[in-house]
Amino acid sequence: MRPSSLRHALLPLFAVLLLSACHGKDDPTQPGGSTPEAAIQSSVELLKVGDLNGLWKHALPPADYANMRADWNRHDPNPPSVSAEDRATFDEQVHEFTAPDAENKLYAKLQPKLAAMEQKYSDQLPVLIGVGEALVKNSLARNPKLTDAQKAQAGGVLDVLAPWAQQAPWFDQAKARQAIGVAVATVRKLDLKSPEQLRAMDFDAAMGKYSTGYIGLKQLLAIYGLSLDDTFDSIKLTPVSSSDGRAVVKIDYTLLGKPLSAESTLVQQDGRWYNEDMLANVRRSHQQLSQPPASSTSAAVAAGAAKD
C-alpha cells in the first residue's frame, strides 16, 4: 500500500485520532482492543509516540495487517526511472540538511528571505489562508471516499486550524531557528541515501521513515503553538451504543483550546474491536490489488461496447 492508498486507509483513523480513554486500558502491542474504548485508546497511545508500524499492527486483524504489508510494493511495481536532474536535486537538498553546521548555514540563508516575506505577505497571509480553507472544504465536500460524518468532523477541525494558521508567528526569527534545528535533526535521522532507496523500501522500513517524519512534524507544529500531544491528552470517550458486534463511541477533545467532538464506529472480529471504516478501506485496497488486470482484448471489447 503506497502513500495515496495509505492516506485513504488512514482517513477514518485520523478522524478519530483524537481518542483516548480513562478506563479499559489494553496492551497496545496486541491487535484490536478488548473493548471499543480500549481499541481506540491504544491507537492514540501509539500515534502519540509515533509508532506507525505498531499502530497498523494494533489497528488491523492479523490477516489484514499481513495483507497490507505484502501489498506495499504491489501498487507501483514498475516505477519510472529517476532522471539525472531529479537525482541531483535530491542530493543537493539532502546535503543542505546533513552538511556540517547545517543549522547555521540554513538560517543564514533563510533569515533575509523571512524578513522580506514578512514585509510583503504579513497582511495578505490571513486572506490567503482563508482562501485555502475554502478550497480544502470544497474538496472535502466533493470527496466520495468520505462519509458525511467524516466531512463534518474534518470541517470542524478546519474551523479551528484556520484561525490558528492566520495568527501563528510564521515570520518570527527565533522560532524559525528552532524549526530549522528540528528539520535538520529529522532529515539526519531519516538517513536518506537516494531516490531509489525511497522507492525500494519495504513496509517496515517505510513505516520507520514515516514515524521519524511524523515526530519531526509534531515538533515543528508545537514550535508554532499547535501541540498534538495536548489534543491527545484531552480526549475523553463515551460509549454511545453496542449491539451485534458493532459499537459507536463518542469522542470529546480539545484542539487549540476549542472543544470538538466526533463519533467512531467499531466492529468486533474474533473477540477484538477495530475501526469499521479503516478496516473496510484496507480490505477494499487489497481486493483491488488482488484482481487480475484486464486483458487488452477485454479492454477493447469493453471500449467497443461503451461506444455502442
C-alpha atoms as a PDB file:
ATOM      1  CA  MET A   1       0.000   0.000   0.000  1.00  0.00           C
ATOM      2  CA  ARG A   2       1.653   3.155  -1.265  1.00  0.00           C
ATOM      3  CA  PRO A   3       1.141   6.669   0.198  1.00  0.00           C
ATOM      4  CA  SER A   4      -2.051   7.530  -1.760  1.00  0.00           C
ATOM      5  CA  SER A   5      -3.798   4.359  -0.617  1.00  0.00           C
ATOM      6  CA  LEU A   6      -2.306   4.759   2.822  1.00  0.00           C
ATOM      7  CA  ARG A   7      -3.934   8.186   3.112  1.00  0.00           C
ATOM      8  CA  HIS A   8      -7.349   6.803   2.218  1.00  0.00           C
ATOM      9  CA  ALA A   9      -6.988   3.980   4.733  1.00  0.00           C
ATOM     10  CA  LEU A  10      -5.836   6.402   7.401  1.00  0.00           C
ATOM     11  CA  LEU A  11      -8.648   8.913   6.926  1.00  0.00           C
ATOM     12  CA  PRO A  12     -11.085   7.176   9.265  1.00  0.00           C
ATOM     13  CA  LEU A  13      -8.326   6.583  11.783  1.00  0.00           C
ATOM     14  CA  PHE A  14      -7.242  10.226  11.795  1.00  0.00           C
ATOM     15  CA  ALA A  15     -10.868  11.272  12.015  1.00  0.00           C
ATOM     16  CA  VAL A  16     -10.748   9.531  15.394  1.00  0.00           C
ATOM     17  CA  LEU A  17      -7.175  10.276  16.236  1.00  0.00           C
ATOM     18  CA  LEU A  18      -8.476  12.185  18.941  1.00  0.00           C
ATOM     19  CA  LEU A  19      -9.240   9.130  21.015  1.00  0.00           C
ATOM     20  CA  SER A  20      -8.228   8.084  24.499  1.00  0.00           C
ATOM     21  CA  ALA A  21      -9.936   6.521  27.451  1.00  0.00           C
ATOM     22  CA  CYS A  22      -9.615   6.656  31.199  1.00  0.00           C
ATOM     23  CA  HIS A  23     -10.758   3.062  31.514  1.00  0.00           C
ATOM     24  CA  GLY A  24     -10.341  -0.342  29.869  1.00  0.00           C
ATOM     25  CA  LYS A  25      -6.660   0.095  29.099  1.00  0.00           C
ATOM     26  CA  ASP A  26      -5.190  -2.639  26.877  1.00  0.00           C
ATOM     27  CA  ASP A  27      -1.770  -3.772  25.729  1.00  0.00           C
ATOM     28  CA  PRO A  28      -1.255  -1.648  22.567  1.00  0.00           C
ATOM     29  CA  THR A  29       1.028  -4.288  21.038  1.00  0.00           C
ATOM     30  CA  GLN A  30      -1.952  -6.622  20.622  1.00  0.00           C
ATOM     31  CA  PRO A  31      -4.285  -6.474  17.591  1.00  0.00           C
ATOM     32  CA  GLY A  32      -7.533  -4.642  18.283  1.00  0.00           C
ATOM     33  CA  GLY A  33      -8.981  -3.948  21.695  1.00  0.00           C
ATOM     34  CA  SER A  34     -10.872  -5.918  24.299  1.00  0.00           C
ATOM     35  CA  THR A  35     -13.476  -3.127  24.233  1.00  0.00           C
ATOM     36  CA  PRO A  36     -14.221  -0.414  21.661  1.00  0.00           C
ATOM     37  CA  GLU A  37     -12.831   2.247  24.018  1.00  0.00           C
ATOM     38  CA  ALA A  38      -9.676   0.245  24.709  1.00  0.00           C
ATOM     39  CA  ALA A  39      -9.051  -0.252  20.978  1.00  0.00           C
ATOM     40  CA  ILE A  40      -9.268   3.483  20.406  1.00  0.00           C
ATOM     41  CA  GLN A  41      -7.104   4.402  23.380  1.00  0.00           C
ATOM     42  CA  SER A  42      -4.312   2.068  22.299  1.00  0.00           C
ATOM     43  CA  SER A  43      -4.378   3.596  18.803  1.00  0.00           C
ATOM     44  CA  VAL A  44      -3.919   7.055  20.274  1.00  0.00           C
ATOM     45  CA  GLU A  45      -1.086   5.959  22.555  1.00  0.00           C
ATOM     46  CA  LEU A  46       0.779   4.516  19.562  1.00  0.00           C
ATOM     47  CA  LEU A  47       0.095   7.583  17.438  1.00  0.00           C
ATOM     48  CA  LYS A  48       1.228   9.918  20.184  1.00  0.00           C
ATOM     49  CA  VAL A  49       4.658   8.270  20.358  1.00  0.00           C
ATOM     50  CA  GLY A  50       4.860   7.970  16.565  1.00  0.00           C
ATOM     51  CA  ASP A  51       4.892   4.162  16.326  1.00  0.00           C
ATOM     52  CA  LEU A  52       3.148   3.907  12.943  1.00  0.00           C
ATOM     53  CA  ASN A  53       4.069   0.282  12.323  1.00  0.00           C
ATOM     54  CA  GLY A  54       2.780  -0.622  15.763  1.00  0.00           C
ATOM     55  CA  LEU A  55      -0.334   1.421  15.070  1.00  0.00           C
ATOM     56  CA  TRP A  56      -1.177  -0.576  11.949  1.00  0.00           C
ATOM     57  CA  LYS A  57      -0.402  -3.859  13.687  1.00  0.00           C
ATOM     58  CA  HIS A  58      -2.756  -2.927  16.507  1.00  0.00           C
ATOM     59  CA  ALA A  59      -5.485  -1.370  14.338  1.00  0.00           C
ATOM     60  CA  LEU A  60      -5.941  -4.320  11.953  1.00  0.00           C
ATOM     61  CA  PRO A  61      -6.702  -8.016  12.428  1.00  0.00           C
ATOM     62  CA  PRO A  62      -3.555 -10.117  11.883  1.00  0.00           C
ATOM     63  CA  ALA A  63      -4.586 -11.371   8.426  1.00  0.00           C
ATOM     64  CA  ASP A  64      -5.371  -7.851   7.177  1.00  0.00           C
ATOM     65  CA  TYR A  65      -2.104  -6.496   8.580  1.00  0.00           C
ATOM     66  CA  ALA A  66      -0.206  -9.276   6.789  1.00  0.00           C
ATOM     67  CA  ASN A  67      -2.011  -8.483   3.536  1.00  0.00           C
ATOM     68  CA  MET A  68      -1.217  -4.787   3.811  1.00  0.00           C
ATOM     69  CA  ARG A  69       2.488  -5.473   4.352  1.00  0.00           C
ATOM     70  CA  ALA A  70       2.548  -7.860   1.394  1.00  0.00           C
ATOM     71  CA  ASP A  71       0.685  -5.348  -0.801  1.00  0.00           C
ATOM     72  CA  TRP A  72       3.074  -2.494  -0.060  1.00  0.00           C
ATOM     73  CA  ASN A  73       5.252  -2.864  -3.167  1.00  0.00           C
ATOM     74  CA  ARG A  74       2.443  -4.050  -5.453  1.00  0.00           C
ATOM     75  CA  HIS A  75       0.909  -0.620  -6.047  1.00  0.00           C
ATOM     76  CA  ASP A  76       3.670   0.558  -8.360  1.00  0.00           C
ATOM     77  CA  PRO A  77       5.774  -2.476  -9.322  1.00  0.00           C
ATOM     78  CA  ASN A  78       7.451  -0.733 -12.294  1.00  0.00           C
ATOM     79  CA  PRO A  79       8.052   2.911 -11.356  1.00  0.00           C
ATOM     80  CA  PRO A  80       9.711   5.172 -13.933  1.00  0.00           C
ATOM     81  CA  SER A  81      13.450   5.552 -13.607  1.00  0.00           C
ATOM     82  CA  VAL A  82      14.851   8.536 -11.740  1.00  0.00           C
ATOM     83  CA  SER A  83      16.252  11.207 -14.037  1.00  0.00           C
ATOM     84  CA  ALA A  84      19.730  12.620 -13.533  1.00  0.00           C
ATOM     85  CA  GLU A  85      18.173  16.016 -12.835  1.00  0.00           C
ATOM     86  CA  ASP A  86      15.880  14.621 -10.128  1.00  0.00           C
ATOM     87  CA  ARG A  87      18.760  12.732  -8.531  1.00  0.00           C
ATOM     88  CA  ALA A  88      20.899  15.869  -8.474  1.00  0.00           C
ATOM     89  CA  THR A  89      18.091  17.864  -6.876  1.00  0.00           C
ATOM     90  CA  PHE A  90      17.590  15.140  -4.265  1.00  0.00           C
ATOM     91  CA  ASP A  91      21.296  15.039  -3.413  1.00  0.00           C
ATOM     92  CA  GLU A  92      21.513  18.822  -3.161  1.00  0.00           C
ATOM     93  CA  GLN A  93      18.510  19.140  -0.865  1.00  0.00           C
ATOM     94  CA  VAL A  94      19.588  16.313   1.433  1.00  0.00           C
ATOM     95  CA  HIS A  95      23.134  17.688   1.604  1.00  0.00           C
ATOM     96  CA  GLU A  96      21.844  21.082   2.739  1.00  0.00           C
ATOM     97  CA  PHE A  97      20.364  19.468   5.839  1.00  0.00           C
ATOM     98  CA  THR A  98      23.135  16.979   6.585  1.00  0.00           C
ATOM     99  CA  ALA A  99      26.267  19.055   5.954  1.00  0.00           C
ATOM    100  CA  PRO A 100      28.378  20.227   8.912  1.00  0.00           C
ATOM    101  CA  ASP A 101      26.941  23.327  10.596  1.00  0.00           C
ATOM    102  CA  ALA A 102      23.765  22.920   8.520  1.00  0.00           C
ATOM    103  CA  GLU A 103      21.609  24.728  11.100  1.00  0.00           C
ATOM    104  CA  ASN A 104      23.569  27.974  10.942  1.00  0.00           C
ATOM    105  CA  LYS A 105      24.018  27.858   7.165  1.00  0.00           C
ATOM    106  CA  LEU A 106      20.301  27.287   6.563  1.00  0.00           C
ATOM    107  CA  TYR A 107      19.314  30.010   8.998  1.00  0.00           C
ATOM    108  CA  ALA A 108      21.690  32.486   7.365  1.00  0.00           C
ATOM    109  CA  LYS A 109      20.107  31.650   4.037  1.00  0.00           C
ATOM    110  CA  LEU A 110      16.540  31.889   5.363  1.00  0.00           C
ATOM    111  CA  GLN A 111      16.819  34.995   7.558  1.00  0.00           C
ATOM    112  CA  PRO A 112      16.788  37.669   4.817  1.00  0.00           C
ATOM    113  CA  LYS A 113      14.084  35.800   2.907  1.00  0.00           C
ATOM    114  CA  LEU A 114      11.942  35.576   6.024  1.00  0.00           C
ATOM    115  CA  ALA A 115      12.252  39.319   6.659  1.00  0.00           C
ATOM    116  CA  ALA A 116      11.324  40.086   3.045  1.00  0.00           C
ATOM    117  CA  MET A 117       8.361  37.717   3.171  1.00  0.00           C
ATOM    118  CA  GLU A 118       7.100  39.285   6.390  1.00  0.00           C
ATOM    119  CA  GLN A 119       7.187  42.726   4.832  1.00  0.00           C
ATOM    120  CA  LYS A 120       5.468  41.532   1.671  1.00  0.00           C
ATOM    121  CA  TYR A 121       2.962  38.971   2.894  1.00  0.00           C
ATOM    122  CA  SER A 122       2.150  39.603   6.567  1.00  0.00           C
ATOM    123  CA  ASP A 123      -1.060  41.468   5.689  1.00  0.00           C
ATOM    124  CA  GLN A 124      -2.021  39.091   2.882  1.00  0.00           C
ATOM    125  CA  LEU A 125      -1.392  35.817   4.708  1.00  0.00           C
ATOM    126  CA  PRO A 126      -4.706  35.686   6.636  1.00  0.00           C
ATOM    127  CA  VAL A 127      -6.611  36.220   3.383  1.00  0.00           C
ATOM    128  CA  LEU A 128      -4.586  33.560   1.553  1.00  0.00           C
ATOM    129  CA  ILE A 129      -5.154  31.074   4.375  1.00  0.00           C
ATOM    130  CA  GLY A 130      -8.869  31.866   4.299  1.00  0.00           C
ATOM    131  CA  VAL A 131      -8.959  31.112   0.576  1.00  0.00           C
ATOM    132  CA  GLY A 132      -7.037  27.902   1.175  1.00  0.00           C
ATOM    133  CA  GLU A 133      -9.508  26.873   3.868  1.00  0.00           C
ATOM    134  CA  ALA A 134     -12.413  27.371   1.467  1.00  0.00           C
ATOM    135  CA  LEU A 135     -10.681  25.286  -1.210  1.00  0.00           C
ATOM    136  CA  VAL A 136      -9.974  22.450   1.218  1.00  0.00           C
ATOM    137  CA  LYS A 137     -13.558  22.453   2.476  1.00  0.00           C
ATOM    138  CA  ASN A 138     -14.831  22.331  -1.089  1.00  0.00           C
ATOM    139  CA  SER A 139     -12.521  19.410  -1.829  1.00  0.00           C
ATOM    140  CA  LEU A 140     -13.726  17.588   1.275  1.00  0.00           C
ATOM    141  CA  ALA A 141     -17.358  18.137   0.329  1.00  0.00           C
ATOM    142  CA  ARG A 142     -16.762  16.527  -3.078  1.00  0.00           C
ATOM    143  CA  ASN A 143     -14.647  13.618  -1.815  1.00  0.00           C
ATOM    144  CA  PRO A 144     -16.635  10.401  -2.388  1.00  0.00           C
ATOM    145  CA  LYS A 145     -14.353   8.421  -0.094  1.00  0.00           C
ATOM    146  CA  LEU A 146     -15.515  10.348   2.984  1.00  0.00           C
ATOM    147  CA  THR A 147     -18.813   9.865   4.775  1.00  0.00           C
ATOM    148  CA  ASP A 148     -20.965  12.853   5.705  1.00  0.00           C
ATOM    149  CA  ALA A 149     -19.904  12.429   9.336  1.00  0.00           C
ATOM    150  CA  GLN A 150     -16.211  12.432   8.389  1.00  0.00           C
ATOM    151  CA  LYS A 151     -16.701  15.549   6.265  1.00  0.00           C
ATOM    152  CA  ALA A 152     -18.401  17.314   9.168  1.00  0.00           C
ATOM    153  CA  GLN A 153     -15.626  16.283  11.565  1.00  0.00           C
ATOM    154  CA  ALA A 154     -12.907  17.463   9.190  1.00  0.00           C
ATOM    155  CA  GLY A 155     -14.763  20.741   8.679  1.00  0.00           C
ATOM    156  CA  GLY A 156     -14.898  21.325  12.422  1.00  0.00           C
ATOM    157  CA  VAL A 157     -11.148  20.767  12.669  1.00  0.00           C
ATOM    158  CA  LEU A 158     -10.526  23.230   9.824  1.00  0.00           C
ATOM    159  CA  ASP A 159     -12.655  25.844  11.578  1.00  0.00           C
ATOM    160  CA  VAL A 160     -10.169  25.688  14.460  1.00  0.00           C
ATOM    161  CA  LEU A 161      -6.954  25.317  12.475  1.00  0.00           C
ATOM    162  CA  ALA A 162      -7.569  28.172  10.048  1.00  0.00           C
ATOM    163  CA  PRO A 163      -7.646  30.949  12.699  1.00  0.00           C
ATOM    164  CA  TRP A 164      -4.518  29.463  14.283  1.00  0.00           C
ATOM    165  CA  ALA A 165      -2.719  29.426  10.920  1.00  0.00           C
ATOM    166  CA  GLN A 166      -3.769  33.030  10.267  1.00  0.00           C
ATOM    167  CA  GLN A 167      -2.289  34.200  13.571  1.00  0.00           C
ATOM    168  CA  ALA A 168       0.701  31.891  14.001  1.00  0.00           C
ATOM    169  CA  PRO A 169       4.123  33.650  14.158  1.00  0.00           C
ATOM    170  CA  TRP A 170       5.395  32.227  10.871  1.00  0.00           C
ATOM    171  CA  PHE A 171       7.879  35.087  10.391  1.00  0.00           C
ATOM    172  CA  ASP A 172       9.354  35.017  13.902  1.00  0.00           C
ATOM    173  CA  GLN A 173      13.140  34.708  13.598  1.00  0.00           C
ATOM    174  CA  ALA A 174      13.703  32.821  16.849  1.00  0.00           C
ATOM    175  CA  LYS A 175      11.034  30.260  16.014  1.00  0.00           C
ATOM    176  CA  ALA A 176      12.460  29.900  12.522  1.00  0.00           C
ATOM    177  CA  ARG A 177      15.840  28.994  14.023  1.00  0.00           C
ATOM    178  CA  GLN A 178      14.162  26.409  16.265  1.00  0.00           C
ATOM    179  CA  ALA A 179      12.260  24.984  13.314  1.00  0.00           C
ATOM    180  CA  ILE A 180      15.442  24.667  11.261  1.00  0.00           C
ATOM    181  CA  GLY A 181      17.060  22.756  14.116  1.00  0.00           C
ATOM    182  CA  VAL A 182      14.153  20.296  14.165  1.00  0.00           C
ATOM    183  CA  ALA A 183      14.190  19.940  10.373  1.00  0.00           C
ATOM    184  CA  VAL A 184      17.941  19.274  10.289  1.00  0.00           C
ATOM    185  CA  ALA A 185      17.717  16.701  13.078  1.00  0.00           C
ATOM    186  CA  THR A 186      14.790  14.982  11.345  1.00  0.00           C
ATOM    187  CA  VAL A 187      16.480  14.751   7.946  1.00  0.00           C
ATOM    188  CA  ARG A 188      19.619  13.363   9.549  1.00  0.00           C
ATOM    189  CA  LYS A 189      17.592  10.697  11.365  1.00  0.00           C
ATOM    190  CA  LEU A 190      15.827   9.797   8.121  1.00  0.00           C
ATOM    191  CA  ASP A 191      19.247   8.959   6.637  1.00  0.00           C
ATOM    192  CA  LEU A 192      18.073   9.301   3.049  1.00  0.00           C
ATOM    193  CA  LYS A 193      20.639   7.998   0.553  1.00  0.00           C
ATOM    194  CA  SER A 194      18.941   8.136  -2.852  1.00  0.00           C
ATOM    195  CA  PRO A 195      15.557   8.339  -4.582  1.00  0.00           C
ATOM    196  CA  GLU A 196      15.893   4.639  -5.405  1.00  0.00           C
ATOM    197  CA  GLN A 197      16.207   3.862  -1.697  1.00  0.00           C
ATOM    198  CA  LEU A 198      12.857   5.528  -1.068  1.00  0.00           C
ATOM    199  CA  ARG A 199      11.168   3.531  -3.816  1.00  0.00           C
ATOM    200  CA  ALA A 200      12.664   0.220  -2.768  1.00  0.00           C
ATOM    201  CA  MET A 201      11.694   0.408   0.913  1.00  0.00           C
ATOM    202  CA  ASP A 202       9.537  -2.401   2.232  1.00  0.00           C
ATOM    203  CA  PHE A 203       6.640  -1.739   4.584  1.00  0.00           C
ATOM    204  CA  ASP A 204       8.666  -1.910   7.803  1.00  0.00           C
ATOM    205  CA  ALA A 205      11.382   0.432   6.505  1.00  0.00           C
ATOM    206  CA  ALA A 206       8.797   2.877   5.151  1.00  0.00           C
ATOM    207  CA  MET A 207       6.899   2.983   8.440  1.00  0.00           C
ATOM    208  CA  GLY A 208      10.160   3.686  10.249  1.00  0.00           C
ATOM    209  CA  LYS A 209      10.844   6.663   7.958  1.00  0.00           C
ATOM    210  CA  TYR A 210       7.258   7.906   8.242  1.00  0.00           C
ATOM    211  CA  SER A 211       7.465   7.709  12.025  1.00  0.00           C
ATOM    212  CA  THR A 212      10.612   9.827  12.040  1.00  0.00           C
ATOM    213  CA  GLY A 213       8.988  12.393   9.763  1.00  0.00           C
ATOM    214  CA  TYR A 214       5.795  12.428  11.824  1.00  0.00           C
ATOM    215  CA  ILE A 215       7.670  13.067  15.077  1.00  0.00           C
ATOM    216  CA  GLY A 216       9.580  15.897  13.414  1.00  0.00           C
ATOM    217  CA  LEU A 217       6.316  17.394  12.157  1.00  0.00           C
ATOM    218  CA  LYS A 218       4.818  17.269  15.645  1.00  0.00           C
ATOM    219  CA  GLN A 219       7.813  19.171  16.979  1.00  0.00           C
ATOM    220  CA  LEU A 220       7.548  21.801  14.243  1.00  0.00           C
ATOM    221  CA  LEU A 221       3.851  22.361  14.901  1.00  0.00           C
ATOM    222  CA  ALA A 222       4.495  22.705  18.627  1.00  0.00           C
ATOM    223  CA  ILE A 223       7.042  25.471  17.954  1.00  0.00           C
ATOM    224  CA  TYR A 224       4.273  27.490  16.312  1.00  0.00           C
ATOM    225  CA  GLY A 225       1.712  26.813  19.015  1.00  0.00           C
ATOM    226  CA  LEU A 226      -0.086  23.642  17.897  1.00  0.00           C
ATOM    227  CA  SER A 227       0.538  20.799  20.338  1.00  0.00           C
ATOM    228  CA  LEU A 228      -0.885  17.498  19.109  1.00  0.00           C
ATOM    229  CA  ASP A 229       0.080  15.894  22.406  1.00  0.00           C
ATOM    230  CA  ASP A 230      -2.172  18.336  24.266  1.00  0.00           C
ATOM    231  CA  THR A 231      -5.018  17.265  21.990  1.00  0.00           C
ATOM    232  CA  PHE A 232      -4.297  13.574  22.530  1.00  0.00           C
ATOM    233  CA  ASP A 233      -4.217  14.115  26.290  1.00  0.00           C
ATOM    234  CA  SER A 234      -7.559  15.943  26.238  1.00  0.00           C
ATOM    235  CA  ILE A 235      -9.547  13.118  24.665  1.00  0.00           C
ATOM    236  CA  LYS A 236     -12.444  11.544  26.518  1.00  0.00           C
ATOM    237  CA  LEU A 237     -14.579   8.672  25.237  1.00  0.00           C
ATOM    238  CA  THR A 238     -18.202   7.910  25.921  1.00  0.00           C
ATOM    239  CA  PRO A 239     -19.886   4.691  24.714  1.00  0.00           C
ATOM    240  CA  VAL A 240     -22.975   5.519  22.645  1.00  0.00           C
ATOM    241  CA  SER A 241     -24.247   2.105  21.566  1.00  0.00           C
ATOM    242  CA  SER A 242     -23.152  -1.503  21.181  1.00  0.00           C
ATOM    243  CA  SER A 243     -25.150  -4.259  19.524  1.00  0.00           C
ATOM    244  CA  ASP A 244     -24.455  -7.353  17.403  1.00  0.00           C
ATOM    245  CA  GLY A 245     -20.701  -6.792  17.217  1.00  0.00           C
ATOM    246  CA  ARG A 246     -20.937  -3.116  16.232  1.00  0.00           C
ATOM    247  CA  ALA A 247     -20.314  -0.188  18.574  1.00  0.00           C
ATOM    248  CA  VAL A 248     -20.365   3.602  18.389  1.00  0.00           C
ATOM    249  CA  VAL A 249     -18.142   5.723  20.632  1.00  0.00           C
ATOM    250  CA  LYS A 250     -18.417   9.492  21.130  1.00  0.00           C
ATOM    251  CA  ILE A 251     -15.132  11.360  21.262  1.00  0.00           C
ATOM    252  CA  ASP A 252     -14.773  14.694  23.025  1.00  0.00           C
ATOM    253  CA  TYR A 253     -11.471  16.548  22.735  1.00  0.00           C
ATOM    254  CA  THR A 254      -9.952  19.992  22.575  1.00  0.00           C
ATOM    255  CA  LEU A 255      -7.908  21.374  19.716  1.00  0.00           C
ATOM    256  CA  LEU A 256      -6.059  24.594  20.437  1.00  0.00           C
ATOM    257  CA  GLY A 257      -8.331  25.002  23.455  1.00  0.00           C
ATOM    258  CA  LYS A 258     -11.522  24.655  21.398  1.00  0.00           C
ATOM    259  CA  PRO A 259     -13.913  21.805  22.290  1.00  0.00           C
ATOM    260  CA  LEU A 260     -14.758  19.427  19.451  1.00  0.00           C
ATOM    261  CA  SER A 261     -16.452  16.059  19.198  1.00  0.00           C
ATOM    262  CA  ALA A 262     -16.785  13.157  16.804  1.00  0.00           C
ATOM    263  CA  GLU A 263     -18.085   9.613  16.680  1.00  0.00           C
ATOM    264  CA  SER A 264     -16.268   6.425  15.758  1.00  0.00           C
ATOM    265  CA  THR A 265     -17.835   3.131  14.697  1.00  0.00           C
ATOM    266  CA  LEU A 266     -16.051  -0.094  15.565  1.00  0.00           C
ATOM    267  CA  VAL A 267     -16.726  -3.711  14.666  1.00  0.00           C
ATOM    268  CA  GLN A 268     -15.870  -6.880  16.547  1.00  0.00           C
ATOM    269  CA  GLN A 269     -13.882  -9.652  14.902  1.00  0.00           C
ATOM    270  CA  ASP A 270     -12.603 -12.748  16.682  1.00  0.00           C
ATOM    271  CA  GLY A 271     -13.402 -11.092  20.004  1.00  0.00           C
ATOM    272  CA  ARG A 272     -11.435  -7.905  19.281  1.00  0.00           C
ATOM    273  CA  TRP A 273     -12.604  -4.437  18.206  1.00  0.00           C
ATOM    274  CA  TYR A 274     -11.447  -2.486  15.112  1.00  0.00           C
ATOM    275  CA  ASN A 275     -12.371   0.759  13.349  1.00  0.00           C
ATOM    276  CA  GLU A 276     -15.027  -0.116  10.772  1.00  0.00           C
ATOM    277  CA  ASP A 277     -14.148   2.398   8.042  1.00  0.00           C
ATOM    278  CA  MET A 278     -10.421   1.802   8.160  1.00  0.00           C
ATOM    279  CA  LEU A 279     -10.863  -1.966   8.022  1.00  0.00           C
ATOM    280  CA  ALA A 280     -13.181  -1.641   5.020  1.00  0.00           C
ATOM    281  CA  ASN A 281     -10.711   0.644   3.202  1.00  0.00           C
ATOM    282  CA  VAL A 282      -7.764  -1.692   3.767  1.00  0.00           C
ATOM    283  CA  ARG A 283      -9.760  -4.695   2.551  1.00  0.00           C
ATOM    284  CA  ARG A 284     -11.020  -2.814  -0.489  1.00  0.00           C
ATOM    285  CA  SER A 285      -7.474  -1.842  -1.434  1.00  0.00           C
ATOM    286  CA  HIS A 286      -6.272  -5.440  -1.051  1.00  0.00           C
ATOM    287  CA  GLN A 287      -9.151  -6.734  -3.157  1.00  0.00           C
ATOM    288  CA  GLN A 288      -8.389  -4.281  -5.955  1.00  0.00           C
ATOM    289  CA  LEU A 289      -4.738  -5.321  -5.996  1.00  0.00           C
ATOM    290  CA  SER A 290      -5.667  -8.999  -5.985  1.00  0.00           C
ATOM    291  CA  GLN A 291      -7.832  -8.737  -9.095  1.00  0.00           C
ATOM    292  CA  PRO A 292      -6.031  -9.754 -12.290  1.00  0.00           C
ATOM    293  CA  PRO A 293      -5.525  -6.876 -14.741  1.00  0.00           C
ATOM    294  CA  ALA A 294      -7.973  -6.747 -17.613  1.00  0.00           C
ATOM    295  CA  SER A 295      -6.529  -8.175 -20.835  1.00  0.00           C
ATOM    296  CA  SER A 296      -6.105  -5.932 -23.847  1.00  0.00           C
ATOM    297  CA  THR A 297      -8.801  -7.940 -25.663  1.00  0.00           C
ATOM    298  CA  SER A 298     -11.245  -7.488 -22.814  1.00  0.00           C
ATOM    299  CA  ALA A 299     -10.445  -3.777 -22.640  1.00  0.00           C
ATOM    300  CA  ALA A 300     -11.062  -3.407 -26.379  1.00  0.00           C
ATOM    301  CA  VAL A 301     -14.396  -5.251 -26.151  1.00  0.00           C
ATOM    302  CA  ALA A 302     -15.433  -3.066 -23.199  1.00  0.00           C
ATOM    303  CA  ALA A 303     -14.462   0.078 -25.107  1.00  0.00           C
ATOM    304  CA  GLY A 304     -16.442  -1.030 -28.139  1.00  0.00           C
ATOM    305  CA  ALA A 305     -19.479  -1.825 -26.022  1.00  0.00           C
ATOM    306  CA  ALA A 306     -19.264   1.612 -24.403  1.00  0.00           C
ATOM    307  CA  LYS A 307     -19.308   3.252 -27.856  1.00  0.00           C
ATOM    308  CA  ASP A 308     -22.356   1.237 -28.894  1.00  0.00           C
END
